[in-house]
């Protein structure tokens, strides 16, 4: 898991067979209906969900075998909005992100 400016953070899979990382935004505006990123393939091979259990990333905007790439313009980056602290649960699929004066908790269902 990595954090950056504009309250964006990325979660990388720990299993080498999973080829999808997730980009999320710890911001109140991220919960409104808007498109955050554009899916792009990680590599040229096409991934399938064959043999994998129900896929927590299957419903992501990038889909299976794709990743979100946020198109950023250097002039549009707000350096005052940043991930201050991140923590993850050692046994459950949940993370806590502190950004500005908000605490966001993300959990896989």
PDB file of N, CA and C in Angstrom:
ATOM      1  N   UNK A   1       0.856  -1.159   0.000  1.00  0.00           N
ATOM      2  CA  UNK A   1       0.000   0.000   0.000  1.00  0.00           C
ATOM      3  C   UNK A   1       0.905   1.224   0.000  1.00  0.00           C
ATOM      4  N   UNK A   2       0.588   2.169  -0.855  1.00  0.00           N
ATOM      5  CA  UNK A   2       1.344   3.411  -0.921  1.00  0.00           C
ATOM      6  C   UNK A   2       0.384   4.583  -0.880  1.00  0.00           C
ATOM      7  N   UNK A   3       0.832   5.691  -0.377  1.00  0.00           N
ATOM      8  CA  UNK A   3       0.033   6.902  -0.342  1.00  0.00           C
ATOM      9  C   UNK A   3       0.717   7.997  -1.132  1.00  0.00           C
ATOM     10  N   UNK A   4      -0.050   9.019  -1.477  1.00  0.00           N
ATOM     11  CA  UNK A   4       0.534  10.110  -2.231  1.00  0.00           C
ATOM     12  C   UNK A   4      -0.285  11.370  -2.020  1.00  0.00           C
ATOM     13  N   UNK A   5       0.024  12.358  -2.807  1.00  0.00           N
ATOM     14  CA  UNK A   5      -0.716  13.611  -2.756  1.00  0.00           C
ATOM     15  C   UNK A   5      -2.058  13.456  -3.462  1.00  0.00           C
ATOM     16  N   UNK A   6      -2.901  14.461  -3.328  1.00  0.00           N
ATOM     17  CA  UNK A   6      -4.279  14.452  -3.837  1.00  0.00           C
ATOM     18  C   UNK A   6      -5.119  13.383  -3.145  1.00  0.00           C
ATOM     19  N   UNK A   7      -4.694  12.925  -1.969  1.00  0.00           N
ATOM     20  CA  UNK A   7      -5.416  11.917  -1.183  1.00  0.00           C
ATOM     21  C   UNK A   7      -5.589  10.593  -1.915  1.00  0.00           C
ATOM     22  N   UNK A   8      -4.743  10.289  -2.867  1.00  0.00           N
ATOM     23  CA  UNK A   8      -4.800   9.013  -3.578  1.00  0.00           C
ATOM     24  C   UNK A   8      -3.890   8.006  -2.901  1.00  0.00           C
ATOM     25  N   UNK A   9      -4.287   6.744  -2.934  1.00  0.00           N
ATOM     26  CA  UNK A   9      -3.410   5.680  -2.467  1.00  0.00           C
ATOM     27  C   UNK A   9      -3.651   4.436  -3.303  1.00  0.00           C
ATOM     28  N   UNK A  10      -2.658   3.584  -3.366  1.00  0.00           N
ATOM     29  CA  UNK A  10      -2.709   2.395  -4.199  1.00  0.00           C
ATOM     30  C   UNK A  10      -2.456   1.162  -3.344  1.00  0.00           C
ATOM     31  N   UNK A  11      -3.238   0.123  -3.580  1.00  0.00           N
ATOM     32  CA  UNK A  11      -3.083  -1.147  -2.886  1.00  0.00           C
ATOM     33  C   UNK A  11      -2.614  -2.170  -3.912  1.00  0.00           C
ATOM     34  N   UNK A  12      -1.457  -2.765  -3.645  1.00  0.00           N
ATOM     35  CA  UNK A  12      -0.896  -3.782  -4.527  1.00  0.00           C
ATOM     36  C   UNK A  12      -1.247  -5.163  -3.996  1.00  0.00           C
ATOM     37  N   UNK A  13      -1.505  -6.134  -4.872  1.00  0.00           N
ATOM     38  CA  UNK A  13      -1.809  -7.492  -4.405  1.00  0.00           C
ATOM     39  C   UNK A  13      -0.566  -8.175  -3.854  1.00  0.00           C
ATOM     40  N   UNK A  14      -0.753  -9.012  -2.836  1.00  0.00           N
ATOM     41  CA  UNK A  14       0.366  -9.770  -2.277  1.00  0.00           C
ATOM     42  C   UNK A  14       0.532 -11.114  -2.968  1.00  0.00           C
ATOM     43  N   UNK A  15      -0.507 -11.573  -3.642  1.00  0.00           N
ATOM     44  CA  UNK A  15      -0.468 -12.843  -4.354  1.00  0.00           C
ATOM     45  C   UNK A  15       0.036 -12.604  -5.776  1.00  0.00           C
ATOM     46  N   UNK A  16       1.133 -13.237  -6.190  1.00  0.00           N
ATOM     47  CA  UNK A  16       1.669 -13.014  -7.534  1.00  0.00           C
ATOM     48  C   UNK A  16       0.713 -13.396  -8.663  1.00  0.00           C
ATOM     49  N   UNK A  17      -0.259 -14.267  -8.393  1.00  0.00           N
ATOM     50  CA  UNK A  17      -1.200 -14.648  -9.445  1.00  0.00           C
ATOM     51  C   UNK A  17      -2.232 -13.558  -9.721  1.00  0.00           C
ATOM     52  N   UNK A  18      -2.388 -12.618  -8.810  1.00  0.00           N
ATOM     53  CA  UNK A  18      -3.299 -11.498  -9.027  1.00  0.00           C
ATOM     54  C   UNK A  18      -2.516 -10.361  -9.662  1.00  0.00           C
ATOM     55  N   UNK A  19      -3.016  -9.862 -10.777  1.00  0.00           N
ATOM     56  CA  UNK A  19      -2.280  -8.859 -11.530  1.00  0.00           C
ATOM     57  C   UNK A  19      -2.951  -7.491 -11.487  1.00  0.00           C
ATOM     58  N   UNK A  20      -3.752  -7.220 -10.481  1.00  0.00           N
ATOM     59  CA  UNK A  20      -4.482  -5.968 -10.445  1.00  0.00           C
ATOM     60  C   UNK A  20      -4.212  -5.234  -9.156  1.00  0.00           C
ATOM     61  N   UNK A  21      -3.820  -3.982  -9.275  1.00  0.00           N
ATOM     62  CA  UNK A  21      -3.745  -3.146  -8.098  1.00  0.00           C
ATOM     63  C   UNK A  21      -4.934  -2.185  -8.121  1.00  0.00           C
ATOM     64  N   UNK A  22      -5.217  -1.583  -6.995  1.00  0.00           N
ATOM     65  CA  UNK A  22      -6.391  -0.740  -6.852  1.00  0.00           C
ATOM     66  C   UNK A  22      -5.954   0.659  -6.453  1.00  0.00           C
ATOM     67  N   UNK A  23      -6.496   1.661  -7.131  1.00  0.00           N
ATOM     68  CA  UNK A  23      -6.255   3.050  -6.765  1.00  0.00           C
ATOM     69  C   UNK A  23      -7.537   3.582  -6.136  1.00  0.00           C
ATOM     70  N   UNK A  24      -7.422   4.099  -4.925  1.00  0.00           N
ATOM     71  CA  UNK A  24      -8.566   4.681  -4.230  1.00  0.00           C
ATOM     72  C   UNK A  24      -8.235   6.104  -3.822  1.00  0.00           C
ATOM     73  N   UNK A  25      -9.259   6.859  -3.499  1.00  0.00           N
ATOM     74  CA  UNK A  25      -9.070   8.239  -3.080  1.00  0.00           C
ATOM     75  C   UNK A  25      -9.713   8.422  -1.717  1.00  0.00           C
ATOM     76  N   UNK A  26      -8.933   8.878  -0.750  1.00  0.00           N
ATOM     77  CA  UNK A  26      -9.442   9.146   0.594  1.00  0.00           C
ATOM     78  C   UNK A  26      -9.901  10.594   0.638  1.00  0.00           C
ATOM     79  N   UNK A  27     -11.084  10.817   0.116  1.00  0.00           N
ATOM     80  CA  UNK A  27     -11.631  12.167   0.023  1.00  0.00           C
ATOM     81  C   UNK A  27     -13.151  12.049   0.002  1.00  0.00           C
ATOM     82  N   UNK A  28     -13.832  12.990   0.598  1.00  0.00           N
ATOM     83  CA  UNK A  28     -15.292  12.943   0.623  1.00  0.00           C
ATOM     84  C   UNK A  28     -15.876  12.981  -0.779  1.00  0.00           C
ATOM     85  N   UNK A  29     -15.220  13.667  -1.704  1.00  0.00           N
ATOM     86  CA  UNK A  29     -15.736  13.752  -3.065  1.00  0.00           C
ATOM     87  C   UNK A  29     -15.612  12.430  -3.804  1.00  0.00           C
ATOM     88  N   UNK A  30     -14.782  11.509  -3.321  1.00  0.00           N
ATOM     89  CA  UNK A  30     -14.617  10.209  -3.978  1.00  0.00           C
ATOM     90  C   UNK A  30     -15.866   9.354  -3.847  1.00  0.00           C
ATOM     91  N   UNK A  31     -16.731   9.655  -2.892  1.00  0.00           N
ATOM     92  CA  UNK A  31     -17.925   8.862  -2.685  1.00  0.00           C
ATOM     93  C   UNK A  31     -19.084   9.333  -3.544  1.00  0.00           C
ATOM     94  N   UNK A  32     -18.895  10.405  -4.282  1.00  0.00           N
ATOM     95  CA  UNK A  32     -19.908  10.858  -5.225  1.00  0.00           C
ATOM     96  C   UNK A  32     -19.728  10.084  -6.519  1.00  0.00           C
ATOM     97  N   UNK A  33     -20.782  10.017  -7.317  1.00  0.00           N
ATOM     98  CA  UNK A  33     -20.723   9.253  -8.566  1.00  0.00           C
ATOM     99  C   UNK A  33     -19.902  10.013  -9.600  1.00  0.00           C
ATOM    100  N   UNK A  34     -18.639   9.653  -9.709  1.00  0.00           N
ATOM    101  CA  UNK A  34     -17.778  10.220 -10.743  1.00  0.00           C
ATOM    102  C   UNK A  34     -16.694   9.216 -11.067  1.00  0.00           C
ATOM    103  N   UNK A  35     -16.151   9.322 -12.241  1.00  0.00           N
ATOM    104  CA  UNK A  35     -15.110   8.401 -12.676  1.00  0.00           C
ATOM    105  C   UNK A  35     -13.770   8.926 -12.195  1.00  0.00           C
ATOM    106  N   UNK A  36     -13.053   8.121 -11.399  1.00  0.00           N
ATOM    107  CA  UNK A  36     -11.794   8.556 -10.809  1.00  0.00           C
ATOM    108  C   UNK A  36     -10.632   8.308 -11.749  1.00  0.00           C
ATOM    109  N   UNK A  37     -10.629   7.201 -12.464  1.00  0.00           N
ATOM    110  CA  UNK A  37      -9.484   6.859 -13.298  1.00  0.00           C
ATOM    111  C   UNK A  37      -9.896   6.152 -14.563  1.00  0.00           C
ATOM    112  N   UNK A  38      -8.919   5.852 -15.383  1.00  0.00           N
ATOM    113  CA  UNK A  38      -9.143   5.163 -16.637  1.00  0.00           C
ATOM    114  C   UNK A  38      -8.441   3.817 -16.563  1.00  0.00           C
ATOM    115  N   UNK A  39      -9.156   2.714 -16.838  1.00  0.00           N
ATOM    116  CA  UNK A  39      -8.495   1.416 -16.746  1.00  0.00           C
ATOM    117  C   UNK A  39      -7.468   1.234 -17.853  1.00  0.00           C
ATOM    118  N   UNK A  40      -6.318   0.688 -17.486  1.00  0.00           N
ATOM    119  CA  UNK A  40      -5.282   0.356 -18.457  1.00  0.00           C
ATOM    120  C   UNK A  40      -4.746  -1.020 -18.114  1.00  0.00           C
ATOM    121  N   UNK A  41      -4.383  -1.829 -19.106  1.00  0.00           N
ATOM    122  CA  UNK A  41      -3.882  -3.172 -18.807  1.00  0.00           C
ATOM    123  C   UNK A  41      -2.513  -3.121 -18.153  1.00  0.00           C
ATOM    124  N   UNK A  42      -2.278  -4.062 -17.240  1.00  0.00           N
ATOM    125  CA  UNK A  42      -0.976  -4.149 -16.587  1.00  0.00           C
ATOM    126  C   UNK A  42       0.045  -4.710 -17.564  1.00  0.00           C
ATOM    127  N   UNK A  43      -0.334  -5.749 -18.280  1.00  0.00           N
ATOM    128  CA  UNK A  43       0.555  -6.292 -19.297  1.00  0.00           C
ATOM    129  C   UNK A  43      -0.285  -6.685 -20.496  1.00  0.00           C
ATOM    130  N   UNK A  44       0.354  -7.216 -21.506  1.00  0.00           N
ATOM    131  CA  UNK A  44      -0.371  -7.505 -22.735  1.00  0.00           C
ATOM    132  C   UNK A  44      -1.235  -8.751 -22.647  1.00  0.00           C
ATOM    133  N   UNK A  45      -1.004  -9.606 -21.652  1.00  0.00           N
ATOM    134  CA  UNK A  45      -1.815 -10.817 -21.525  1.00  0.00           C
ATOM    135  C   UNK A  45      -3.183 -10.468 -20.971  1.00  0.00           C
ATOM    136  N   UNK A  46      -4.160 -11.263 -21.353  1.00  0.00           N
ATOM    137  CA  UNK A  46      -5.523 -11.042 -20.880  1.00  0.00           C
ATOM    138  C   UNK A  46      -5.765 -11.969 -19.710  1.00  0.00           C
ATOM    139  N   UNK A  47      -6.144 -11.402 -18.579  1.00  0.00           N
ATOM    140  CA  UNK A  47      -6.396 -12.209 -17.386  1.00  0.00           C
ATOM    141  C   UNK A  47      -7.828 -12.680 -17.386  1.00  0.00           C
ATOM    142  N   UNK A  48      -8.028 -13.875 -16.877  1.00  0.00           N
ATOM    143  CA  UNK A  48      -9.373 -14.395 -16.690  1.00  0.00           C
ATOM    144  C   UNK A  48      -9.546 -14.740 -15.236  1.00  0.00           C
ATOM    145  N   UNK A  49     -10.764 -14.955 -14.846  1.00  0.00           N
ATOM    146  CA  UNK A  49     -11.057 -15.282 -13.459  1.00  0.00           C
ATOM    147  C   UNK A  49     -11.152 -16.787 -13.273  1.00  0.00           C
ATOM    148  N   UNK A  50     -10.683 -17.563 -14.235  1.00  0.00           N
ATOM    149  CA  UNK A  50     -10.769 -19.020 -14.145  1.00  0.00           C
ATOM    150  C   UNK A  50      -9.922 -19.522 -12.989  1.00  0.00           C
ATOM    151  N   UNK A  51     -10.526 -20.344 -12.151  1.00  0.00           N
ATOM    152  CA  UNK A  51      -9.806 -20.932 -11.038  1.00  0.00           C
ATOM    153  C   UNK A  51      -9.610 -20.012  -9.862  1.00  0.00           C
ATOM    154  N   UNK A  52     -10.154 -18.819  -9.915  1.00  0.00           N
ATOM    155  CA  UNK A  52      -9.997 -17.890  -8.797  1.00  0.00           C
ATOM    156  C   UNK A  52     -11.327 -17.761  -8.085  1.00  0.00           C
ATOM    157  N   UNK A  53     -11.253 -17.545  -6.828  1.00  0.00           N
ATOM    158  CA  UNK A  53     -12.443 -17.407  -6.011  1.00  0.00           C
ATOM    159  C   UNK A  53     -13.008 -16.017  -6.176  1.00  0.00           C
ATOM    160  N   UNK A  54     -14.249 -15.880  -6.472  1.00  0.00           N
ATOM    161  CA  UNK A  54     -15.080 -14.723  -6.576  1.00  0.00           C
ATOM    162  C   UNK A  54     -14.503 -13.346  -6.709  1.00  0.00           C
ATOM    163  N   UNK A  55     -13.302 -13.112  -6.759  1.00  0.00           N
ATOM    164  CA  UNK A  55     -12.604 -11.893  -7.082  1.00  0.00           C
ATOM    165  C   UNK A  55     -13.074 -10.643  -6.391  1.00  0.00           C
ATOM    166  N   UNK A  56     -12.338 -10.142  -5.411  1.00  0.00           N
ATOM    167  CA  UNK A  56     -12.706  -8.891  -4.773  1.00  0.00           C
ATOM    168  C   UNK A  56     -12.487  -7.724  -5.708  1.00  0.00           C
ATOM    169  N   UNK A  57     -11.648  -7.898  -6.737  1.00  0.00           N
ATOM    170  CA  UNK A  57     -11.388  -6.809  -7.672  1.00  0.00           C
ATOM    171  C   UNK A  57     -12.221  -6.939  -8.941  1.00  0.00           C
ATOM    172  N   UNK A  58     -13.028  -7.992  -9.042  1.00  0.00           N
ATOM    173  CA  UNK A  58     -13.807  -8.203 -10.255  1.00  0.00           C
ATOM    174  C   UNK A  58     -14.798  -7.080 -10.484  1.00  0.00           C
ATOM    175  N   UNK A  59     -15.307  -6.477  -9.432  1.00  0.00           N
ATOM    176  CA  UNK A  59     -16.269  -5.402  -9.576  1.00  0.00           C
ATOM    177  C   UNK A  59     -15.645  -4.028  -9.601  1.00  0.00           C
ATOM    178  N   UNK A  60     -14.333  -3.950  -9.624  1.00  0.00           N
ATOM    179  CA  UNK A  60     -13.679  -2.645  -9.618  1.00  0.00           C
ATOM    180  C   UNK A  60     -13.822  -1.982 -10.973  1.00  0.00           C
ATOM    181  N   UNK A  61     -13.726  -0.657 -11.037  1.00  0.00           N
ATOM    182  CA  UNK A  61     -13.852   0.042 -12.309  1.00  0.00           C
ATOM    183  C   UNK A  61     -12.837  -0.412 -13.343  1.00  0.00           C
ATOM    184  N   UNK A  62     -11.683  -0.892 -12.915  1.00  0.00           N
ATOM    185  CA  UNK A  62     -10.671  -1.348 -13.869  1.00  0.00           C
ATOM    186  C   UNK A  62     -10.973  -2.744 -14.375  1.00  0.00           C
ATOM    187  N   UNK A  63     -11.807  -3.495 -13.647  1.00  0.00           N
ATOM    188  CA  UNK A  63     -12.131  -4.850 -14.047  1.00  0.00           C
ATOM    189  C   UNK A  63     -10.985  -5.800 -13.770  1.00  0.00           C
ATOM    190  N   UNK A  64     -11.121  -7.016 -14.255  1.00  0.00           N
ATOM    191  CA  UNK A  64     -10.101  -8.033 -14.033  1.00  0.00           C
ATOM    192  C   UNK A  64      -8.975  -7.818 -15.039  1.00  0.00           C
ATOM    193  N   UNK A  65      -7.738  -7.859 -14.556  1.00  0.00           N
ATOM    194  CA  UNK A  65      -6.597  -7.728 -15.440  1.00  0.00           C
ATOM    195  C   UNK A  65      -6.316  -6.303 -15.865  1.00  0.00           C
ATOM    196  N   UNK A  66      -6.942  -5.332 -15.238  1.00  0.00           N
ATOM    197  CA  UNK A  66      -6.702  -3.939 -15.574  1.00  0.00           C
ATOM    198  C   UNK A  66      -6.352  -3.163 -14.338  1.00  0.00           C
ATOM    199  N   UNK A  67      -5.879  -1.969 -14.510  1.00  0.00           N
ATOM    200  CA  UNK A  67      -5.582  -1.148 -13.344  1.00  0.00           C
ATOM    201  C   UNK A  67      -6.069   0.260 -13.600  1.00  0.00           C
ATOM    202  N   UNK A  68      -6.245   0.987 -12.537  1.00  0.00           N
ATOM    203  CA  UNK A  68      -6.681   2.365 -12.644  1.00  0.00           C
ATOM    204  C   UNK A  68      -5.444   3.243 -12.760  1.00  0.00           C
ATOM    205  N   UNK A  69      -5.436   4.099 -13.719  1.00  0.00           N
ATOM    206  CA  UNK A  69      -4.361   5.072 -13.821  1.00  0.00           C
ATOM    207  C   UNK A  69      -5.008   6.445 -13.780  1.00  0.00           C
ATOM    208  N   UNK A  70      -4.712   7.186 -12.768  1.00  0.00           N
ATOM    209  CA  UNK A  70      -5.271   8.521 -12.637  1.00  0.00           C
ATOM    210  C   UNK A  70      -4.405   9.459 -13.443  1.00  0.00           C
ATOM    211  N   UNK A  71      -5.025  10.086 -14.404  1.00  0.00           N
ATOM    212  CA  UNK A  71      -4.302  11.052 -15.222  1.00  0.00           C
ATOM    213  C   UNK A  71      -4.116  12.311 -14.385  1.00  0.00           C
ATOM    214  N   UNK A  72      -2.879  12.627 -14.069  1.00  0.00           N
ATOM    215  CA  UNK A  72      -2.609  13.792 -13.241  1.00  0.00           C
ATOM    216  C   UNK A  72      -1.782  14.795 -14.011  1.00  0.00           C
ATOM    217  N   UNK A  73      -2.124  16.023 -13.826  1.00  0.00           N
ATOM    218  CA  UNK A  73      -1.367  17.127 -14.388  1.00  0.00           C
ATOM    219  C   UNK A  73      -0.584  17.733 -13.234  1.00  0.00           C
ATOM    220  N   UNK A  74       0.681  17.962 -13.424  1.00  0.00           N
ATOM    221  CA  UNK A  74       1.532  18.475 -12.345  1.00  0.00           C
ATOM    222  C   UNK A  74       1.007  19.794 -11.792  1.00  0.00           C
ATOM    223  N   UNK A  75       0.347  20.579 -12.613  1.00  0.00           N
ATOM    224  CA  UNK A  75      -0.190  21.858 -12.146  1.00  0.00           C
ATOM    225  C   UNK A  75      -1.455  21.684 -11.318  1.00  0.00           C
ATOM    226  N   UNK A  76      -2.106  20.524 -11.417  1.00  0.00           N
ATOM    227  CA  UNK A  76      -3.361  20.277 -10.709  1.00  0.00           C
ATOM    228  C   UNK A  76      -3.176  19.574  -9.371  1.00  0.00           C
ATOM    229  N   UNK A  77      -1.962  19.180  -9.027  1.00  0.00           N
ATOM    230  CA  UNK A  77      -1.723  18.461  -7.775  1.00  0.00           C
ATOM    231  C   UNK A  77      -1.844  19.415  -6.597  1.00  0.00           C
ATOM    232  N   UNK A  78      -2.663  19.029  -5.628  1.00  0.00           N
ATOM    233  CA  UNK A  78      -2.818  19.809  -4.399  1.00  0.00           C
ATOM    234  C   UNK A  78      -1.933  19.172  -3.330  1.00  0.00           C
ATOM    235  N   UNK A  79      -0.817  19.819  -3.025  1.00  0.00           N
ATOM    236  CA  UNK A  79       0.132  19.261  -2.067  1.00  0.00           C
ATOM    237  C   UNK A  79      -0.351  19.389  -0.624  1.00  0.00           C
ATOM    238  N   UNK A  80      -1.437  20.116  -0.398  1.00  0.00           N
ATOM    239  CA  UNK A  80      -2.018  20.196   0.943  1.00  0.00           C
ATOM    240  C   UNK A  80      -2.901  18.986   1.240  1.00  0.00           C
ATOM    241  N   UNK A  81      -3.370  18.302   0.211  1.00  0.00           N
ATOM    242  CA  UNK A  81      -4.159  17.081   0.386  1.00  0.00           C
ATOM    243  C   UNK A  81      -3.210  15.909   0.254  1.00  0.00           C
ATOM    244  N   UNK A  82      -2.986  15.223   1.350  1.00  0.00           N
ATOM    245  CA  UNK A  82      -2.065  14.086   1.312  1.00  0.00           C
ATOM    246  C   UNK A  82      -2.474  13.053   2.354  1.00  0.00           C
ATOM    247  N   UNK A  83      -2.031  11.839   2.124  1.00  0.00           N
ATOM    248  CA  UNK A  83      -2.248  10.763   3.079  1.00  0.00           C
ATOM    249  C   UNK A  83      -1.287  10.987   4.237  1.00  0.00           C
ATOM    250  N   UNK A  84      -1.831  11.154   5.441  1.00  0.00           N
ATOM    251  CA  UNK A  84      -0.988  11.416   6.603  1.00  0.00           C
ATOM    252  C   UNK A  84      -0.555  10.130   7.294  1.00  0.00           C
ATOM    253  N   UNK A  85      -1.486   9.201   7.465  1.00  0.00           N
ATOM    254  CA  UNK A  85      -1.186   7.926   8.132  1.00  0.00           C
ATOM    255  C   UNK A  85      -1.988   6.822   7.462  1.00  0.00           C
ATOM    256  N   UNK A  86      -1.400   5.629   7.395  1.00  0.00           N
ATOM    257  CA  UNK A  86      -2.090   4.449   6.875  1.00  0.00           C
ATOM    258  C   UNK A  86      -1.808   3.283   7.812  1.00  0.00           C
ATOM    259  N   UNK A  87      -2.805   2.428   7.968  1.00  0.00           N
ATOM    260  CA  UNK A  87      -2.619   1.230   8.772  1.00  0.00           C
ATOM    261  C   UNK A  87      -3.534   0.146   8.229  1.00  0.00           C
ATOM    262  N   UNK A  88      -3.087  -1.099   8.303  1.00  0.00           N
ATOM    263  CA  UNK A  88      -3.904  -2.201   7.833  1.00  0.00           C
ATOM    264  C   UNK A  88      -3.987  -3.263   8.909  1.00  0.00           C
ATOM    265  N   UNK A  89      -5.089  -3.996   8.880  1.00  0.00           N
ATOM    266  CA  UNK A  89      -5.309  -5.062   9.843  1.00  0.00           C
ATOM    267  C   UNK A  89      -4.483  -6.269   9.417  1.00  0.00           C
ATOM    268  N   UNK A  90      -3.791  -6.919  10.345  1.00  0.00           N
ATOM    269  CA  UNK A  90      -2.911  -8.025   9.952  1.00  0.00           C
ATOM    270  C   UNK A  90      -3.637  -9.285   9.480  1.00  0.00           C
ATOM    271  N   UNK A  91      -4.917  -9.464   9.850  1.00  0.00           N
ATOM    272  CA  UNK A  91      -5.611 -10.697   9.500  1.00  0.00           C
ATOM    273  C   UNK A  91      -6.852 -10.478   8.648  1.00  0.00           C
ATOM    274  N   UNK A  92      -7.381  -9.282   8.596  1.00  0.00           N
ATOM    275  CA  UNK A  92      -8.594  -8.993   7.837  1.00  0.00           C
ATOM    276  C   UNK A  92      -8.258  -8.068   6.679  1.00  0.00           C
ATOM    277  N   UNK A  93      -9.132  -8.041   5.682  1.00  0.00           N
ATOM    278  CA  UNK A  93      -8.949  -7.157   4.539  1.00  0.00           C
ATOM    279  C   UNK A  93      -9.549  -5.790   4.843  1.00  0.00           C
ATOM    280  N   UNK A  94      -8.905  -5.047   5.727  1.00  0.00           N
ATOM    281  CA  UNK A  94      -9.379  -3.705   6.048  1.00  0.00           C
ATOM    282  C   UNK A  94      -8.187  -2.797   6.310  1.00  0.00           C
ATOM    283  N   UNK A  95      -8.358  -1.536   5.920  1.00  0.00           N
ATOM    284  CA  UNK A  95      -7.308  -0.535   6.114  1.00  0.00           C
ATOM    285  C   UNK A  95      -7.939   0.741   6.638  1.00  0.00           C
ATOM    286  N   UNK A  96      -7.147   1.536   7.324  1.00  0.00           N
ATOM    287  CA  UNK A  96      -7.580   2.845   7.816  1.00  0.00           C
ATOM    288  C   UNK A  96      -6.620   3.883   7.242  1.00  0.00           C
ATOM    289  N   UNK A  97      -7.185   4.960   6.719  1.00  0.00           N
ATOM    290  CA  UNK A  97      -6.407   6.023   6.081  1.00  0.00           C
ATOM    291  C   UNK A  97      -6.777   7.342   6.743  1.00  0.00           C
ATOM    292  N   UNK A  98      -5.771   8.092   7.183  1.00  0.00           N
ATOM    293  CA  UNK A  98      -5.998   9.434   7.728  1.00  0.00           C
ATOM    294  C   UNK A  98      -5.528  10.443   6.690  1.00  0.00           C
ATOM    295  N   UNK A  99      -6.443  11.293   6.275  1.00  0.00           N
ATOM    296  CA  UNK A  99      -6.129  12.321   5.285  1.00  0.00           C
ATOM    297  C   UNK A  99      -6.785  13.619   5.737  1.00  0.00           C
ATOM    298  N   UNK A 100      -6.016  14.676   5.767  1.00  0.00           N
ATOM    299  CA  UNK A 100      -6.449  15.987   6.238  1.00  0.00           C
ATOM    300  C   UNK A 100      -7.022  15.829   7.643  1.00  0.00           C
ATOM    301  N   UNK A 101      -8.321  16.092   7.838  1.00  0.00           N
ATOM    302  CA  UNK A 101      -8.922  15.925   9.162  1.00  0.00           C
ATOM    303  C   UNK A 101      -9.992  14.832   9.137  1.00  0.00           C
ATOM    304  N   UNK A 102      -9.830  13.847   8.274  1.00  0.00           N
ATOM    305  CA  UNK A 102     -10.795  12.763   8.130  1.00  0.00           C
ATOM    306  C   UNK A 102     -10.116  11.412   8.309  1.00  0.00           C
ATOM    307  N   UNK A 103     -10.895  10.449   8.787  1.00  0.00           N
ATOM    308  CA  UNK A 103     -10.433   9.071   8.901  1.00  0.00           C
ATOM    309  C   UNK A 103     -11.332   8.212   8.023  1.00  0.00           C
ATOM    310  N   UNK A 104     -10.734   7.486   7.097  1.00  0.00           N
ATOM    311  CA  UNK A 104     -11.473   6.620   6.191  1.00  0.00           C
ATOM    312  C   UNK A 104     -11.105   5.179   6.495  1.00  0.00           C
ATOM    313  N   UNK A 105     -12.112   4.306   6.539  1.00  0.00           N
ATOM    314  CA  UNK A 105     -11.889   2.886   6.765  1.00  0.00           C
ATOM    315  C   UNK A 105     -12.434   2.152   5.546  1.00  0.00           C
ATOM    316  N   UNK A 106     -11.572   1.391   4.888  1.00  0.00           N
ATOM    317  CA  UNK A 106     -11.947   0.608   3.719  1.00  0.00           C
ATOM    318  C   UNK A 106     -11.840  -0.858   4.094  1.00  0.00           C
ATOM    319  N   UNK A 107     -12.850  -1.639   3.676  1.00  0.00           N
ATOM    320  CA  UNK A 107     -12.868  -3.055   4.015  1.00  0.00           C
ATOM    321  C   UNK A 107     -13.442  -3.847   2.852  1.00  0.00           C
ATOM    322  N   UNK A 108     -12.867  -5.013   2.581  1.00  0.00           N
ATOM    323  CA  UNK A 108     -13.399  -5.907   1.552  1.00  0.00           C
ATOM    324  C   UNK A 108     -14.519  -6.724   2.170  1.00  0.00           C
ATOM    325  N   UNK A 109     -15.618  -6.833   1.463  1.00  0.00           N
ATOM    326  CA  UNK A 109     -16.757  -7.601   1.969  1.00  0.00           C
ATOM    327  C   UNK A 109     -16.679  -9.026   1.549  1.00  0.00           C
TER     328      UNK A 109
END
